Amino acid sequence: MKKEYDFSNAERGKFYRGPNLKLNLPIYLEKDVADFVRKFARKKRLDAQTAVNKLLREKKALIRSVQ
């Protein structure tokens, strides 16, 4: 690293997005789960993301019903 850096042309806050920023983080599925999702999606004629959301919504409803 240099001893000094020149920030005279820097723009303050250029990449700041605020405290309420919500990021869509990637989620990595294990092989067996990913294979299941692909088969489910193909059978239902959905893309994988829609299939995962559908499965999770159904599971969410099931969990709420037994609480």
N, C-alpha and C. Protein backbone atom coordinates (compact mmCIF):
# COMPACT_ATOMS: atom_id res chain seq x y z
N MET A 1 0.83 -1.19 0.00
CA MET A 1 0.00 0.00 0.00
C MET A 1 0.87 1.25 0.00
N LYS A 2 0.33 2.28 -0.57
CA LYS A 2 1.03 3.56 -0.56
C LYS A 2 0.92 4.18 0.83
N LYS A 3 1.86 5.07 1.14
CA LYS A 3 1.80 5.78 2.41
C LYS A 3 0.65 6.78 2.40
N GLU A 4 0.37 7.38 1.25
CA GLU A 4 -0.70 8.36 1.13
C GLU A 4 -1.48 8.13 -0.15
N TYR A 5 -2.75 8.43 -0.11
CA TYR A 5 -3.60 8.36 -1.29
C TYR A 5 -4.23 9.72 -1.52
N ASP A 6 -4.45 10.06 -2.78
CA ASP A 6 -5.02 11.35 -3.13
C ASP A 6 -6.53 11.20 -3.32
N PHE A 7 -7.30 11.74 -2.40
CA PHE A 7 -8.76 11.69 -2.47
C PHE A 7 -9.35 13.04 -2.87
N SER A 8 -8.55 13.90 -3.45
CA SER A 8 -9.04 15.24 -3.78
C SER A 8 -10.15 15.22 -4.83
N ASN A 9 -10.21 14.21 -5.69
CA ASN A 9 -11.26 14.11 -6.70
C ASN A 9 -12.32 13.08 -6.33
N ALA A 10 -12.28 12.61 -5.11
CA ALA A 10 -13.22 11.58 -4.68
C ALA A 10 -14.62 12.15 -4.52
N GLU A 11 -15.60 11.28 -4.62
CA GLU A 11 -17.00 11.68 -4.45
C GLU A 11 -17.54 11.01 -3.18
N ARG A 12 -17.89 11.81 -2.19
CA ARG A 12 -18.35 11.28 -0.91
C ARG A 12 -19.71 10.60 -1.06
N GLY A 13 -19.83 9.40 -0.53
CA GLY A 13 -21.10 8.69 -0.51
C GLY A 13 -21.51 8.10 -1.85
N LYS A 14 -20.60 7.95 -2.78
CA LYS A 14 -20.94 7.48 -4.12
C LYS A 14 -21.63 6.11 -4.10
N PHE A 15 -21.19 5.21 -3.24
CA PHE A 15 -21.75 3.86 -3.20
C PHE A 15 -22.64 3.61 -1.99
N TYR A 16 -22.89 4.64 -1.20
CA TYR A 16 -23.74 4.50 -0.01
C TYR A 16 -25.19 4.34 -0.43
N ARG A 17 -25.88 3.34 0.13
CA ARG A 17 -27.26 3.08 -0.26
C ARG A 17 -28.26 3.24 0.88
N GLY A 18 -27.81 3.56 2.07
CA GLY A 18 -28.72 3.83 3.17
C GLY A 18 -29.00 2.62 4.04
N PRO A 19 -29.50 2.88 5.25
CA PRO A 19 -29.70 1.79 6.21
C PRO A 19 -30.89 0.87 5.88
N ASN A 20 -31.80 1.29 5.03
CA ASN A 20 -32.97 0.48 4.72
C ASN A 20 -32.80 -0.36 3.46
N LEU A 21 -31.59 -0.42 2.95
CA LEU A 21 -31.32 -1.19 1.74
C LEU A 21 -31.55 -2.67 1.99
N LYS A 22 -32.28 -3.31 1.10
CA LYS A 22 -32.49 -4.76 1.18
C LYS A 22 -31.82 -5.40 -0.03
N LEU A 23 -30.95 -6.33 0.23
CA LEU A 23 -30.22 -7.01 -0.84
C LEU A 23 -30.85 -8.37 -1.12
N ASN A 24 -30.84 -8.77 -2.37
CA ASN A 24 -31.24 -10.12 -2.74
C ASN A 24 -29.96 -10.95 -2.83
N LEU A 25 -29.72 -11.71 -1.79
CA LEU A 25 -28.51 -12.51 -1.73
C LEU A 25 -28.73 -13.86 -2.40
N PRO A 26 -27.72 -14.37 -3.07
CA PRO A 26 -27.87 -15.69 -3.69
C PRO A 26 -27.93 -16.77 -2.60
N ILE A 27 -28.72 -17.77 -2.85
CA ILE A 27 -28.81 -18.90 -1.93
C ILE A 27 -28.39 -20.13 -2.71
N TYR A 28 -27.46 -20.89 -2.16
CA TYR A 28 -26.93 -22.06 -2.83
C TYR A 28 -27.56 -23.32 -2.24
N LEU A 29 -28.16 -24.11 -3.10
CA LEU A 29 -28.82 -25.33 -2.68
C LEU A 29 -27.85 -26.50 -2.77
N GLU A 30 -28.01 -27.44 -1.85
CA GLU A 30 -27.22 -28.66 -1.93
C GLU A 30 -27.71 -29.47 -3.11
N LYS A 31 -26.87 -30.36 -3.61
CA LYS A 31 -27.14 -31.07 -4.86
C LYS A 31 -28.48 -31.79 -4.84
N ASP A 32 -28.78 -32.51 -3.77
CA ASP A 32 -30.03 -33.28 -3.73
C ASP A 32 -31.26 -32.36 -3.78
N VAL A 33 -31.17 -31.22 -3.10
CA VAL A 33 -32.28 -30.26 -3.10
C VAL A 33 -32.40 -29.60 -4.47
N ALA A 34 -31.28 -29.23 -5.05
CA ALA A 34 -31.30 -28.61 -6.38
C ALA A 34 -31.88 -29.56 -7.42
N ASP A 35 -31.51 -30.84 -7.34
CA ASP A 35 -32.06 -31.83 -8.26
C ASP A 35 -33.57 -31.95 -8.10
N PHE A 36 -34.03 -31.97 -6.85
CA PHE A 36 -35.46 -32.04 -6.58
C PHE A 36 -36.19 -30.83 -7.16
N VAL A 37 -35.63 -29.65 -6.95
CA VAL A 37 -36.25 -28.42 -7.43
C VAL A 37 -36.32 -28.42 -8.96
N ARG A 38 -35.24 -28.84 -9.60
CA ARG A 38 -35.24 -28.88 -11.07
C ARG A 38 -36.33 -29.82 -11.59
N LYS A 39 -36.45 -30.99 -10.98
CA LYS A 39 -37.48 -31.96 -11.41
C LYS A 39 -38.88 -31.41 -11.16
N PHE A 40 -39.08 -30.81 -9.99
CA PHE A 40 -40.36 -30.21 -9.64
C PHE A 40 -40.71 -29.10 -10.63
N ALA A 41 -39.73 -28.24 -10.91
CA ALA A 41 -39.96 -27.11 -11.81
C ALA A 41 -40.30 -27.61 -13.22
N ARG A 42 -39.57 -28.62 -13.68
CA ARG A 42 -39.83 -29.16 -15.02
C ARG A 42 -41.24 -29.73 -15.09
N LYS A 43 -41.63 -30.48 -14.05
CA LYS A 43 -42.96 -31.10 -14.02
C LYS A 43 -44.07 -30.05 -14.02
N LYS A 44 -43.87 -28.95 -13.28
CA LYS A 44 -44.87 -27.89 -13.17
C LYS A 44 -44.73 -26.83 -14.26
N ARG A 45 -43.73 -27.00 -15.13
CA ARG A 45 -43.45 -26.04 -16.20
C ARG A 45 -43.18 -24.64 -15.64
N LEU A 46 -42.29 -24.60 -14.64
CA LEU A 46 -41.88 -23.36 -14.00
C LEU A 46 -40.38 -23.21 -14.12
N ASP A 47 -39.89 -21.99 -13.93
CA ASP A 47 -38.44 -21.82 -13.79
C ASP A 47 -38.08 -22.16 -12.35
N ALA A 48 -36.82 -22.43 -12.09
CA ALA A 48 -36.37 -22.89 -10.77
C ALA A 48 -36.68 -21.88 -9.67
N GLN A 49 -36.50 -20.60 -9.93
CA GLN A 49 -36.77 -19.58 -8.90
C GLN A 49 -38.23 -19.59 -8.50
N THR A 50 -39.12 -19.65 -9.46
CA THR A 50 -40.55 -19.69 -9.17
C THR A 50 -40.91 -20.96 -8.41
N ALA A 51 -40.30 -22.08 -8.79
CA ALA A 51 -40.55 -23.34 -8.10
C ALA A 51 -40.11 -23.29 -6.65
N VAL A 52 -38.94 -22.72 -6.39
CA VAL A 52 -38.45 -22.60 -5.00
C VAL A 52 -39.39 -21.72 -4.20
N ASN A 53 -39.80 -20.59 -4.75
CA ASN A 53 -40.72 -19.70 -4.04
C ASN A 53 -42.05 -20.38 -3.76
N LYS A 54 -42.55 -21.13 -4.72
CA LYS A 54 -43.81 -21.86 -4.53
C LYS A 54 -43.68 -22.88 -3.40
N LEU A 55 -42.60 -23.66 -3.42
CA LEU A 55 -42.37 -24.67 -2.38
C LEU A 55 -42.24 -24.03 -0.99
N LEU A 56 -41.51 -22.94 -0.92
CA LEU A 56 -41.33 -22.27 0.38
C LEU A 56 -42.62 -21.64 0.88
N ARG A 57 -43.41 -21.08 -0.01
CA ARG A 57 -44.70 -20.51 0.41
C ARG A 57 -45.62 -21.60 0.96
N GLU A 58 -45.64 -22.74 0.29
CA GLU A 58 -46.46 -23.86 0.78
C GLU A 58 -45.98 -24.33 2.15
N LYS A 59 -44.67 -24.42 2.31
CA LYS A 59 -44.10 -24.85 3.60
C LYS A 59 -44.40 -23.81 4.68
N LYS A 60 -44.34 -22.54 4.32
CA LYS A 60 -44.64 -21.46 5.26
C LYS A 60 -46.08 -21.56 5.74
N ALA A 61 -46.99 -21.81 4.82
CA ALA A 61 -48.41 -21.95 5.18
C ALA A 61 -48.62 -23.16 6.08
N LEU A 62 -47.95 -24.27 5.78
CA LEU A 62 -48.06 -25.48 6.59
C LEU A 62 -47.56 -25.23 8.02
N ILE A 63 -46.42 -24.59 8.14
CA ILE A 63 -45.85 -24.30 9.46
C ILE A 63 -46.77 -23.40 10.25
N ARG A 64 -47.32 -22.38 9.63
CA ARG A 64 -48.22 -21.46 10.32
C ARG A 64 -49.49 -22.18 10.77
N SER A 65 -49.96 -23.15 9.99
CA SER A 65 -51.20 -23.84 10.33
C SER A 65 -51.06 -24.73 11.55
N VAL A 66 -49.86 -25.19 11.87
CA VAL A 66 -49.66 -26.08 13.02
C VAL A 66 -49.14 -25.35 14.25
N GLN A 67 -48.90 -24.07 14.14
CA GLN A 67 -48.37 -23.32 15.30
C GLN A 67 -49.46 -23.00 16.29
